[in-house]
Amino acid sequence: MQMMDEPGSDGDELLLRWRQGRLDVRTLYAAVREPMHQSARRGISLITSSTPDPRDVEEAVADAFEKLRAKDPGEVTSVIGLARMIALRRGQDIGRRVVHEREEIRKYLADPRVDATMDFHDEEVRAAEEDEAVLVMAADCFGCLTEEQHDLVAKTIMGQETLSDWALRNGKSHQSASRQRRRAIETIKRCIASKQREGTTGREVTP
């Protein structure tokens, strides 16, 4: 992997602006985003020997970018090179976590008690996925979200925007945006559960 920029390249100008304090976060992220994604994917693949989950790549890039921003530009010789190296190492860290999680899943599935209940659980999941009423409830429950939560869920779950890009666009850290999205999802889940309870009560009292 090439770790240094060619002399006279855009990387030299990028580093100069960073050292002079003229490089904003958006410009820095735009310059290193793709190289970091490539290195993060490679790092995960080196450990897992499989195609990385895009969410794992996104997490690696978000963490690596925060580490890059924390560096002293006076000690950096190549912005792109350093970004690649940090993303590669973070990808390898996440790859090790993925391998560990796979091992835990294999141990779980090897438990004979799991086989006895697996079919029942699968039927429950399929029934939930096919229940159109739940989808209608979920759409109604969007009204329970704040305007920002609504935008976050719509863009990063229903749309194509990554959580990292949404966080950068809204001036938030990846971790903060992730927590906010989890809270929004929990709000929708509670709303759906409430509507389901109301529906069940209604069916019981209907002649």
Protein backbone atom coordinates (compact mmCIF):
# COMPACT_ATOMS: atom_id res chain seq x y z
CA MET A 1 0.00 0.00 0.00
CA GLN A 2 1.33 3.42 -0.95
CA MET A 3 1.68 5.43 2.25
CA MET A 4 3.14 8.66 0.85
CA ASP A 5 1.74 11.21 -1.57
CA GLU A 6 3.67 12.11 -4.70
CA PRO A 7 5.54 15.45 -4.46
CA GLY A 8 3.46 18.28 -5.82
CA SER A 9 0.24 16.28 -5.47
CA ASP A 10 -3.03 17.45 -4.00
CA GLY A 11 -1.90 15.75 -0.79
CA ASP A 12 0.91 18.28 -0.34
CA GLU A 13 -1.54 21.15 -0.67
CA LEU A 14 -3.93 19.41 1.72
CA LEU A 15 -1.22 19.01 4.35
CA LEU A 16 -0.08 22.62 3.94
CA ARG A 17 -3.61 23.92 4.49
CA TRP A 18 -4.04 21.66 7.51
CA ARG A 19 -0.82 22.92 9.09
CA GLN A 20 -1.89 26.51 8.44
CA GLY A 21 -5.28 25.94 10.04
CA ARG A 22 -7.10 26.56 6.75
CA LEU A 23 -8.53 23.06 6.34
CA ASP A 24 -12.11 22.56 7.51
CA VAL A 25 -13.46 19.16 8.56
CA ARG A 26 -15.67 18.71 5.49
CA THR A 27 -12.78 19.29 3.08
CA LEU A 28 -10.53 16.92 4.99
CA TYR A 29 -13.20 14.21 5.07
CA ALA A 30 -13.95 14.61 1.37
CA ALA A 31 -10.25 14.16 0.57
CA VAL A 32 -9.68 11.03 2.64
CA ARG A 33 -13.11 9.37 2.54
CA GLU A 34 -12.56 7.03 -0.41
CA PRO A 35 -8.95 6.07 0.44
CA MET A 36 -10.07 5.29 3.99
CA HIS A 37 -13.01 3.19 2.77
CA GLN A 38 -10.67 1.20 0.53
CA SER A 39 -8.19 0.59 3.35
CA ALA A 40 -10.90 -0.25 5.89
CA ARG A 41 -12.42 -2.81 3.51
CA ARG A 42 -8.99 -4.31 2.93
CA GLY A 43 -8.22 -4.45 6.65
CA ILE A 44 -11.47 -6.26 7.46
CA SER A 45 -11.05 -8.67 4.54
CA LEU A 46 -7.48 -9.53 5.57
CA ILE A 47 -8.78 -10.80 8.91
CA THR A 48 -12.16 -12.28 7.96
CA SER A 49 -11.30 -13.59 4.46
CA SER A 50 -14.74 -12.43 3.32
CA THR A 51 -16.49 -9.43 1.84
CA PRO A 52 -16.90 -6.83 4.59
CA ASP A 53 -20.29 -5.67 5.80
CA PRO A 54 -20.71 -2.03 4.66
CA ARG A 55 -21.73 -1.10 8.21
CA ASP A 56 -18.45 -2.43 9.56
CA VAL A 57 -16.54 -0.46 6.92
CA GLU A 58 -18.46 2.67 7.83
CA GLU A 59 -17.69 2.19 11.52
CA ALA A 60 -13.99 1.69 10.78
CA VAL A 61 -13.84 4.83 8.64
CA ALA A 62 -15.69 6.93 11.23
CA ASP A 63 -13.35 5.82 14.02
CA ALA A 64 -10.27 6.24 11.84
CA PHE A 65 -11.30 9.74 10.78
CA GLU A 66 -11.62 10.83 14.40
CA LYS A 67 -8.13 9.47 15.08
CA LEU A 68 -6.81 11.30 12.01
CA ARG A 69 -8.33 14.59 13.15
CA ALA A 70 -6.65 14.19 16.54
CA LYS A 71 -3.18 14.02 14.96
CA ASP A 72 -0.80 16.97 15.10
CA PRO A 73 -0.49 18.10 11.45
CA GLY A 74 3.05 19.23 12.18
CA GLU A 75 4.02 15.57 12.69
CA VAL A 76 2.22 14.32 9.55
CA THR A 77 4.12 13.80 6.30
CA SER A 78 1.26 12.44 4.21
CA VAL A 79 -2.41 13.09 4.91
CA ILE A 80 -3.74 10.42 2.55
CA GLY A 81 -1.06 7.93 3.56
CA LEU A 82 -1.76 8.37 7.26
CA ALA A 83 -5.51 8.15 6.67
CA ARG A 84 -5.05 4.86 4.82
CA MET A 85 -2.85 3.40 7.54
CA ILE A 86 -5.23 4.32 10.36
CA ALA A 87 -8.25 2.98 8.45
CA LEU A 88 -6.42 -0.26 7.63
CA ARG A 89 -5.56 -0.87 11.28
CA ARG A 90 -9.07 0.01 12.45
CA GLY A 91 -10.46 -2.32 9.80
CA GLN A 92 -8.27 -5.11 11.13
CA ASP A 93 -9.51 -4.42 14.66
CA ILE A 94 -13.11 -4.69 13.50
CA GLY A 95 -12.26 -7.79 11.48
CA ARG A 96 -11.01 -9.47 14.66
CA ARG A 97 -14.24 -8.51 16.38
CA VAL A 98 -16.27 -9.99 13.52
CA VAL A 99 -14.32 -13.25 13.71
CA HIS A 100 -14.93 -13.39 17.47
CA GLU A 101 -18.66 -12.78 16.97
CA ARG A 102 -18.79 -15.55 14.37
CA GLU A 103 -17.19 -17.94 16.84
CA GLU A 104 -19.75 -16.99 19.48
CA ILE A 105 -22.60 -17.58 17.02
CA ARG A 106 -21.20 -20.98 16.06
CA LYS A 107 -21.00 -21.94 19.74
CA TYR A 108 -24.58 -20.79 20.24
CA LEU A 109 -25.90 -22.74 17.26
CA ALA A 110 -24.04 -25.85 18.44
CA ASP A 111 -26.16 -25.85 21.60
CA PRO A 112 -28.79 -28.64 21.16
CA ARG A 113 -31.34 -26.53 23.01
CA VAL A 114 -31.27 -24.04 20.15
CA ASP A 115 -32.50 -26.56 17.57
CA ALA A 116 -35.61 -27.24 19.61
CA THR A 117 -36.79 -23.64 19.40
CA MET A 118 -35.28 -22.44 16.10
CA ASP A 119 -38.27 -23.39 13.92
CA PHE A 120 -40.70 -21.63 16.23
CA HIS A 121 -38.60 -18.47 16.25
CA ASP A 122 -38.29 -18.52 12.45
CA GLU A 123 -42.05 -18.71 12.09
CA GLU A 124 -42.45 -15.75 14.41
CA VAL A 125 -39.97 -13.68 12.40
CA ARG A 126 -41.61 -14.51 9.08
CA ALA A 127 -45.04 -13.66 10.47
CA ALA A 128 -43.79 -10.30 11.73
CA GLU A 129 -42.14 -9.48 8.41
CA GLU A 130 -45.30 -10.32 6.48
CA ASP A 131 -47.63 -8.38 8.75
CA GLU A 132 -48.59 -5.35 6.71
CA ALA A 133 -50.32 -3.82 9.70
CA VAL A 134 -46.96 -3.40 11.43
CA LEU A 135 -45.66 -1.42 8.47
CA VAL A 136 -48.68 0.87 8.62
CA MET A 137 -48.14 1.37 12.34
CA ALA A 138 -44.47 2.17 11.77
CA ALA A 139 -45.38 4.84 9.23
CA ASP A 140 -47.83 6.38 11.70
CA CYS A 141 -45.23 6.29 14.45
CA PHE A 142 -42.86 8.49 12.47
CA GLY A 143 -44.92 11.36 13.82
CA CYS A 144 -43.52 10.59 17.28
CA LEU A 145 -40.01 11.55 16.18
CA THR A 146 -38.44 14.98 16.28
CA GLU A 147 -37.73 16.63 12.94
CA GLU A 148 -34.05 15.74 13.16
CA GLN A 149 -34.75 12.13 14.18
CA HIS A 150 -37.18 11.81 11.28
CA ASP A 151 -34.53 13.06 8.87
CA LEU A 152 -31.91 10.74 10.37
CA VAL A 153 -34.05 7.62 10.04
CA ALA A 154 -35.37 8.55 6.60
CA LYS A 155 -31.93 9.29 5.15
CA THR A 156 -29.80 6.55 6.76
CA ILE A 157 -32.27 3.65 7.02
CA MET A 158 -34.90 4.23 4.36
CA GLY A 159 -32.54 6.20 2.10
CA GLN A 160 -29.00 5.69 0.83
CA GLU A 161 -27.02 8.12 2.99
CA THR A 162 -24.44 6.60 5.33
CA LEU A 163 -24.53 7.43 9.02
CA SER A 164 -21.06 9.00 8.74
CA ASP A 165 -22.15 11.32 5.94
CA TRP A 166 -25.33 12.31 7.80
CA ALA A 167 -23.33 13.02 10.96
CA LEU A 168 -20.84 15.18 9.09
CA ARG A 169 -23.60 17.08 7.29
CA ASN A 170 -25.28 17.84 10.61
CA GLY A 171 -22.11 18.66 12.54
CA LYS A 172 -22.27 15.59 14.80
CA SER A 173 -19.87 12.80 15.67
CA HIS A 174 -20.55 9.31 14.33
CA GLN A 175 -21.10 8.05 17.88
CA SER A 176 -23.61 10.81 18.67
CA ALA A 177 -25.55 10.16 15.46
CA SER A 178 -25.55 6.42 16.16
CA ARG A 179 -26.99 6.98 19.64
CA GLN A 180 -29.60 9.34 18.25
CA ARG A 181 -30.65 6.80 15.64
CA ARG A 182 -30.95 4.07 18.27
CA ARG A 183 -33.18 6.32 20.38
CA ALA A 184 -35.35 7.09 17.35
CA ILE A 185 -35.75 3.39 16.56
CA GLU A 186 -36.64 2.63 20.17
CA THR A 187 -39.26 5.40 20.07
CA ILE A 188 -40.83 3.83 16.96
CA LYS A 189 -40.75 0.36 18.56
CA ARG A 190 -42.49 1.61 21.70
CA CYS A 191 -45.10 3.39 19.60
CA ILE A 192 -45.78 0.24 17.55
CA ALA A 193 -46.02 -1.88 20.71
CA SER A 194 -48.52 0.59 22.14
CA LYS A 195 -50.62 0.48 18.97
CA GLN A 196 -50.53 -3.31 18.97
CA ARG A 197 -51.75 -3.41 22.57
CA GLU A 198 -54.55 -1.02 21.69
CA GLY A 199 -55.48 -3.18 18.72
CA THR A 200 -55.52 -6.34 20.81
CA THR A 201 -57.72 -4.67 23.43
CA GLY A 202 -60.05 -3.45 20.73
CA ARG A 203 -60.46 -6.94 19.26
CA GLU A 204 -61.25 -8.37 22.68
CA VAL A 205 -64.13 -5.98 23.33
CA THR A 206 -65.57 -6.08 19.82
CA PRO A 207 -68.69 -8.28 19.61
